[in-house]
Amino acid sequence: MTERTEDERKEVRKEFGEVVNMSPSELEDWLETEESKSVGDTGGDGESTGHKSGRRIVELKRKTVDELTEDDHDWMNKVVGYCHRHLKQGPSSDVEHSKWRYSLMNWGHDPLKD
């Protein structure tokens, strides 16, 4: 866990808010789809890392700033990094039905909303 200054926490929250462009309800609905469950690496429990991340993002977006912990800020920073890296790897065609898009959506970012 990284100890951040208040300015650093504000920056993480700002970047998280910019990259996560799905509302909690949109993300919850998405996570229930077969497309959402069809992508990503799965652990021993059968749920992908991205799918778990989506559930955590919903929780984070529903917290007030005062409720956010350092661990929450670490996770938000991880989401920002994942999305920025993944956005550079987009497919050349059929973005709408791509596993690339589905993976990003599990992490709270729908590239078609940009």
N, C-alpha and C. Protein backbone atom coordinates (compact mmCIF):
# COMPACT_ATOMS: atom_id res chain seq x y z
N MET A 1 0.84 -1.18 0.00
CA MET A 1 0.00 0.00 0.00
C MET A 1 0.89 1.24 0.00
N THR A 2 0.52 2.19 -0.84
CA THR A 2 1.29 3.42 -0.98
C THR A 2 0.66 4.53 -0.15
N GLU A 3 1.46 5.19 0.65
CA GLU A 3 0.97 6.34 1.42
C GLU A 3 1.08 7.57 0.53
N ARG A 4 -0.05 8.23 0.28
CA ARG A 4 -0.08 9.39 -0.61
C ARG A 4 -0.41 10.66 0.15
N THR A 5 0.00 11.78 -0.43
CA THR A 5 -0.44 13.08 0.10
C THR A 5 -1.87 13.31 -0.37
N GLU A 6 -2.54 14.28 0.23
CA GLU A 6 -3.91 14.58 -0.19
C GLU A 6 -3.95 15.01 -1.65
N ASP A 7 -2.97 15.77 -2.11
CA ASP A 7 -2.94 16.18 -3.51
C ASP A 7 -2.80 14.96 -4.43
N GLU A 8 -1.99 13.99 -4.03
CA GLU A 8 -1.83 12.77 -4.82
C GLU A 8 -3.13 11.96 -4.85
N ARG A 9 -3.82 11.90 -3.72
CA ARG A 9 -5.11 11.19 -3.69
C ARG A 9 -6.12 11.87 -4.60
N LYS A 10 -6.14 13.21 -4.58
CA LYS A 10 -7.05 13.96 -5.47
C LYS A 10 -6.75 13.64 -6.93
N GLU A 11 -5.47 13.58 -7.28
CA GLU A 11 -5.07 13.29 -8.66
C GLU A 11 -5.51 11.88 -9.07
N VAL A 12 -5.34 10.91 -8.17
CA VAL A 12 -5.78 9.54 -8.46
C VAL A 12 -7.29 9.52 -8.69
N ARG A 13 -8.04 10.21 -7.82
CA ARG A 13 -9.50 10.24 -7.97
C ARG A 13 -9.91 10.92 -9.28
N LYS A 14 -9.19 11.98 -9.65
CA LYS A 14 -9.49 12.70 -10.90
C LYS A 14 -9.26 11.77 -12.10
N GLU A 15 -8.10 11.10 -12.14
CA GLU A 15 -7.79 10.21 -13.25
C GLU A 15 -8.77 9.03 -13.31
N PHE A 16 -9.11 8.49 -12.16
CA PHE A 16 -10.07 7.39 -12.08
C PHE A 16 -11.42 7.85 -12.64
N GLY A 17 -11.85 9.05 -12.25
CA GLY A 17 -13.12 9.59 -12.73
C GLY A 17 -13.12 9.82 -14.23
N GLU A 18 -11.96 10.13 -14.79
CA GLU A 18 -11.86 10.35 -16.24
C GLU A 18 -11.87 9.04 -17.01
N VAL A 19 -11.20 8.02 -16.49
CA VAL A 19 -11.07 6.76 -17.23
C VAL A 19 -12.29 5.86 -17.03
N VAL A 20 -12.89 5.87 -15.86
CA VAL A 20 -14.07 5.04 -15.60
C VAL A 20 -15.29 5.84 -16.06
N ASN A 21 -15.75 5.52 -17.28
CA ASN A 21 -16.85 6.29 -17.86
C ASN A 21 -18.19 5.57 -17.81
N MET A 22 -18.26 4.49 -17.04
CA MET A 22 -19.53 3.77 -16.86
C MET A 22 -20.03 4.06 -15.45
N SER A 23 -21.33 4.26 -15.33
CA SER A 23 -21.93 4.48 -14.01
C SER A 23 -21.98 3.15 -13.26
N PRO A 24 -22.14 3.20 -11.94
CA PRO A 24 -22.26 1.95 -11.19
C PRO A 24 -23.36 1.04 -11.74
N SER A 25 -24.51 1.60 -12.08
CA SER A 25 -25.61 0.76 -12.57
C SER A 25 -25.30 0.19 -13.96
N GLU A 26 -24.67 0.99 -14.83
CA GLU A 26 -24.26 0.47 -16.14
C GLU A 26 -23.27 -0.68 -15.98
N LEU A 27 -22.32 -0.50 -15.08
CA LEU A 27 -21.29 -1.52 -14.86
C LEU A 27 -21.90 -2.78 -14.25
N GLU A 28 -22.79 -2.61 -13.29
CA GLU A 28 -23.46 -3.79 -12.71
C GLU A 28 -24.23 -4.56 -13.77
N ASP A 29 -24.98 -3.84 -14.62
CA ASP A 29 -25.73 -4.51 -15.69
C ASP A 29 -24.78 -5.24 -16.63
N TRP A 30 -23.68 -4.59 -17.00
CA TRP A 30 -22.70 -5.20 -17.89
C TRP A 30 -22.12 -6.47 -17.28
N LEU A 31 -21.78 -6.43 -16.00
CA LEU A 31 -21.14 -7.58 -15.34
C LEU A 31 -22.04 -8.81 -15.31
N GLU A 32 -23.33 -8.63 -15.52
CA GLU A 32 -24.27 -9.76 -15.55
C GLU A 32 -24.33 -10.44 -16.91
N THR A 33 -23.72 -9.84 -17.94
CA THR A 33 -23.82 -10.40 -19.29
C THR A 33 -22.83 -11.53 -19.52
N GLU A 34 -23.16 -12.37 -20.49
CA GLU A 34 -22.26 -13.45 -20.88
C GLU A 34 -20.98 -12.89 -21.49
N GLU A 35 -21.09 -11.76 -22.23
CA GLU A 35 -19.91 -11.15 -22.84
C GLU A 35 -18.90 -10.74 -21.76
N SER A 36 -19.40 -10.18 -20.68
CA SER A 36 -18.52 -9.77 -19.58
C SER A 36 -17.80 -10.96 -18.98
N LYS A 37 -18.53 -12.04 -18.82
CA LYS A 37 -17.97 -13.23 -18.18
C LYS A 37 -17.08 -14.04 -19.12
N SER A 38 -17.10 -13.69 -20.43
CA SER A 38 -16.38 -14.49 -21.43
C SER A 38 -14.92 -14.08 -21.61
N VAL A 39 -14.49 -12.99 -20.96
CA VAL A 39 -13.13 -12.49 -21.18
C VAL A 39 -12.31 -12.47 -19.90
N GLY A 40 -11.00 -12.50 -20.08
CA GLY A 40 -10.09 -12.34 -18.95
C GLY A 40 -9.57 -13.64 -18.41
N ASP A 41 -8.52 -13.51 -17.62
CA ASP A 41 -7.92 -14.67 -16.96
C ASP A 41 -8.76 -15.02 -15.74
N THR A 42 -8.94 -16.30 -15.50
CA THR A 42 -9.74 -16.71 -14.35
C THR A 42 -8.88 -17.37 -13.30
N GLY A 43 -9.19 -17.04 -12.07
CA GLY A 43 -8.49 -17.66 -10.95
C GLY A 43 -9.16 -18.97 -10.59
N GLY A 44 -8.84 -19.47 -9.43
CA GLY A 44 -9.40 -20.74 -8.98
C GLY A 44 -10.90 -20.70 -8.77
N ASP A 45 -11.45 -19.51 -8.57
CA ASP A 45 -12.89 -19.41 -8.32
C ASP A 45 -13.71 -19.24 -9.59
N GLY A 46 -13.04 -19.20 -10.76
CA GLY A 46 -13.75 -19.10 -12.03
C GLY A 46 -14.12 -17.69 -12.45
N GLU A 47 -13.86 -16.69 -11.62
CA GLU A 47 -14.16 -15.31 -11.96
C GLU A 47 -12.89 -14.62 -12.41
N SER A 48 -12.97 -13.89 -13.54
CA SER A 48 -11.78 -13.23 -14.07
C SER A 48 -11.37 -12.05 -13.19
N THR A 49 -10.10 -11.67 -13.32
CA THR A 49 -9.56 -10.52 -12.60
C THR A 49 -10.35 -9.26 -12.95
N GLY A 50 -10.64 -9.07 -14.24
CA GLY A 50 -11.38 -7.91 -14.67
C GLY A 50 -12.80 -7.87 -14.12
N HIS A 51 -13.43 -9.03 -14.06
CA HIS A 51 -14.80 -9.09 -13.53
C HIS A 51 -14.80 -8.71 -12.05
N LYS A 52 -13.84 -9.22 -11.30
CA LYS A 52 -13.71 -8.84 -9.89
C LYS A 52 -13.45 -7.35 -9.76
N SER A 53 -12.60 -6.84 -10.66
CA SER A 53 -12.29 -5.41 -10.65
C SER A 53 -13.56 -4.59 -10.87
N GLY A 54 -14.39 -5.03 -11.79
CA GLY A 54 -15.64 -4.33 -12.06
C GLY A 54 -16.51 -4.22 -10.82
N ARG A 55 -16.59 -5.31 -10.07
CA ARG A 55 -17.39 -5.28 -8.83
C ARG A 55 -16.77 -4.31 -7.82
N ARG A 56 -15.46 -4.29 -7.75
CA ARG A 56 -14.78 -3.37 -6.83
C ARG A 56 -14.98 -1.91 -7.28
N ILE A 57 -14.95 -1.67 -8.57
CA ILE A 57 -15.18 -0.32 -9.09
C ILE A 57 -16.57 0.19 -8.72
N VAL A 58 -17.56 -0.68 -8.82
CA VAL A 58 -18.93 -0.29 -8.43
C VAL A 58 -18.92 0.17 -6.97
N GLU A 59 -18.28 -0.60 -6.10
CA GLU A 59 -18.19 -0.23 -4.68
C GLU A 59 -17.49 1.11 -4.50
N LEU A 60 -16.37 1.30 -5.21
CA LEU A 60 -15.60 2.54 -5.09
C LEU A 60 -16.41 3.75 -5.53
N LYS A 61 -17.13 3.60 -6.63
CA LYS A 61 -17.90 4.73 -7.16
C LYS A 61 -19.07 5.10 -6.25
N ARG A 62 -19.45 4.19 -5.39
CA ARG A 62 -20.57 4.46 -4.47
C ARG A 62 -20.11 4.99 -3.12
N LYS A 63 -18.81 5.05 -2.92
CA LYS A 63 -18.28 5.59 -1.66
C LYS A 63 -18.15 7.11 -1.75
N THR A 64 -18.21 7.74 -0.60
CA THR A 64 -17.89 9.17 -0.55
C THR A 64 -16.37 9.30 -0.45
N VAL A 65 -15.86 10.47 -0.75
CA VAL A 65 -14.41 10.70 -0.68
C VAL A 65 -13.88 10.35 0.71
N ASP A 66 -14.62 10.71 1.75
CA ASP A 66 -14.18 10.44 3.12
C ASP A 66 -14.12 8.95 3.45
N GLU A 67 -14.86 8.14 2.72
CA GLU A 67 -14.88 6.69 2.97
C GLU A 67 -13.73 5.95 2.27
N LEU A 68 -13.08 6.61 1.32
CA LEU A 68 -12.02 5.95 0.55
C LEU A 68 -10.75 5.77 1.38
N THR A 69 -10.21 4.56 1.33
CA THR A 69 -8.98 4.22 2.06
C THR A 69 -7.77 4.31 1.13
N GLU A 70 -6.58 4.16 1.70
CA GLU A 70 -5.37 4.10 0.86
C GLU A 70 -5.44 2.90 -0.09
N ASP A 71 -5.96 1.79 0.40
CA ASP A 71 -6.11 0.61 -0.44
C ASP A 71 -7.05 0.90 -1.62
N ASP A 72 -8.11 1.66 -1.36
CA ASP A 72 -9.02 2.05 -2.44
C ASP A 72 -8.29 2.91 -3.47
N HIS A 73 -7.48 3.85 -2.99
CA HIS A 73 -6.71 4.70 -3.91
C HIS A 73 -5.70 3.86 -4.71
N ASP A 74 -5.09 2.86 -4.09
CA ASP A 74 -4.19 1.96 -4.80
C ASP A 74 -4.95 1.25 -5.93
N TRP A 75 -6.17 0.79 -5.62
CA TRP A 75 -6.96 0.07 -6.63
C TRP A 75 -7.36 1.02 -7.76
N MET A 76 -7.78 2.23 -7.42
CA MET A 76 -8.14 3.20 -8.45
C MET A 76 -6.95 3.47 -9.37
N ASN A 77 -5.77 3.57 -8.79
CA ASN A 77 -4.55 3.79 -9.58
C ASN A 77 -4.29 2.60 -10.50
N LYS A 78 -4.54 1.39 -10.01
CA LYS A 78 -4.37 0.19 -10.81
C LYS A 78 -5.34 0.19 -12.00
N VAL A 79 -6.57 0.60 -11.76
CA VAL A 79 -7.59 0.68 -12.82
C VAL A 79 -7.14 1.67 -13.89
N VAL A 80 -6.67 2.83 -13.47
CA VAL A 80 -6.21 3.85 -14.41
C VAL A 80 -5.08 3.28 -15.28
N GLY A 81 -4.10 2.64 -14.65
CA GLY A 81 -2.98 2.07 -15.38
C GLY A 81 -3.41 1.00 -16.36
N TYR A 82 -4.29 0.10 -15.91
CA TYR A 82 -4.77 -0.97 -16.79
C TYR A 82 -5.47 -0.37 -18.01
N CYS A 83 -6.37 0.55 -17.78
CA CYS A 83 -7.14 1.14 -18.89
C CYS A 83 -6.22 1.88 -19.87
N HIS A 84 -5.29 2.66 -19.37
CA HIS A 84 -4.37 3.38 -20.26
C HIS A 84 -3.55 2.41 -21.10
N ARG A 85 -3.04 1.34 -20.49
CA ARG A 85 -2.25 0.34 -21.24
C ARG A 85 -3.13 -0.36 -22.28
N HIS A 86 -4.31 -0.77 -21.85
CA HIS A 86 -5.20 -1.56 -22.72
C HIS A 86 -5.71 -0.72 -23.89
N LEU A 87 -5.95 0.57 -23.66
CA LEU A 87 -6.46 1.44 -24.73
C LEU A 87 -5.48 1.56 -25.90
N LYS A 88 -4.21 1.36 -25.65
CA LYS A 88 -3.19 1.44 -26.70
C LYS A 88 -3.18 0.19 -27.59
N GLN A 89 -3.93 -0.84 -27.22
CA GLN A 89 -3.86 -2.13 -27.91
C GLN A 89 -5.13 -2.45 -28.70
N GLY A 90 -5.93 -1.46 -29.05
CA GLY A 90 -7.23 -1.70 -29.66
C GLY A 90 -7.19 -2.47 -30.97
N PRO A 91 -8.31 -3.12 -31.29
CA PRO A 91 -8.40 -3.89 -32.54
C PRO A 91 -8.55 -2.94 -33.73
N SER A 92 -8.25 -3.46 -34.91
CA SER A 92 -8.36 -2.64 -36.12
C SER A 92 -9.77 -2.62 -36.67
N SER A 93 -10.60 -3.58 -36.26
CA SER A 93 -11.98 -3.62 -36.75
C SER A 93 -12.90 -4.21 -35.69
N ASP A 94 -14.18 -4.00 -35.88
CA ASP A 94 -15.25 -4.50 -35.00
C ASP A 94 -14.96 -4.28 -33.52
N VAL A 95 -14.71 -3.03 -33.18
CA VAL A 95 -14.47 -2.68 -31.77
C VAL A 95 -15.66 -3.07 -30.91
N GLU A 96 -16.87 -2.83 -31.41
CA GLU A 96 -18.08 -3.03 -30.61
C GLU A 96 -18.20 -4.45 -30.05
N HIS A 97 -17.81 -5.45 -30.83
CA HIS A 97 -17.98 -6.85 -30.41
C HIS A 97 -16.65 -7.53 -30.08
N SER A 98 -15.65 -6.73 -29.73
CA SER A 98 -14.31 -7.29 -29.49
C SER A 98 -14.10 -7.66 -28.02
N LYS A 99 -13.28 -8.67 -27.83
CA LYS A 99 -12.88 -9.04 -26.47
C LYS A 99 -12.12 -7.88 -25.81
N TRP A 100 -11.42 -7.08 -26.62
CA TRP A 100 -10.71 -5.89 -26.14
C TRP A 100 -11.70 -4.95 -25.45
N ARG A 101 -12.80 -4.65 -26.12
CA ARG A 101 -13.81 -3.76 -25.52
C ARG A 101 -14.42 -4.40 -24.28
N TYR A 102 -14.75 -5.67 -24.37
CA TYR A 102 -15.37 -6.35 -23.23
C TYR A 102 -14.46 -6.31 -22.01
N SER A 103 -13.16 -6.50 -22.23
CA SER A 103 -12.21 -6.44 -21.10
C SER A 103 -12.18 -5.04 -20.50
N LEU A 104 -12.11 -4.03 -21.34
CA LEU A 104 -12.11 -2.65 -20.84
C LEU A 104 -13.38 -2.35 -20.07
N MET A 105 -14.50 -2.83 -20.56
CA MET A 105 -15.77 -2.57 -19.87
C MET A 105 -15.80 -3.22 -18.50
N ASN A 106 -15.17 -4.39 -18.36
CA ASN A 106 -15.08 -5.01 -17.04
C ASN A 106 -14.33 -4.11 -16.06
N TRP A 107 -13.43 -3.27 -16.61
CA TRP A 107 -12.65 -2.35 -15.79
C TRP A 107 -13.28 -0.96 -15.75
N GLY A 108 -14.55 -0.86 -16.21
CA GLY A 108 -15.32 0.38 -16.06
C GLY A 108 -15.20 1.38 -17.19
N HIS A 109 -14.52 0.99 -18.29
CA HIS A 109 -14.34 1.93 -19.40
C HIS A 109 -14.93 1.35 -20.69
N ASP A 110 -15.92 2.06 -21.24
CA ASP A 110 -16.47 1.67 -22.54
C ASP A 110 -15.86 2.57 -23.60
N PRO A 111 -14.98 2.03 -24.46
CA PRO A 111 -14.31 2.86 -25.45
C PRO A 111 -15.26 3.47 -26.47
N LEU A 112 -16.46 2.95 -26.60
CA LEU A 112 -17.42 3.51 -27.56
C LEU A 112 -18.10 4.76 -26.99
N LYS A 113 -17.90 5.03 -25.72
CA LYS A 113 -18.48 6.24 -25.11
C LYS A 113 -17.57 7.46 -25.29
N ASP A 114 -16.35 7.24 -25.74
CA ASP A 114 -15.39 8.36 -25.89
C ASP A 114 -15.80 9.31 -26.98
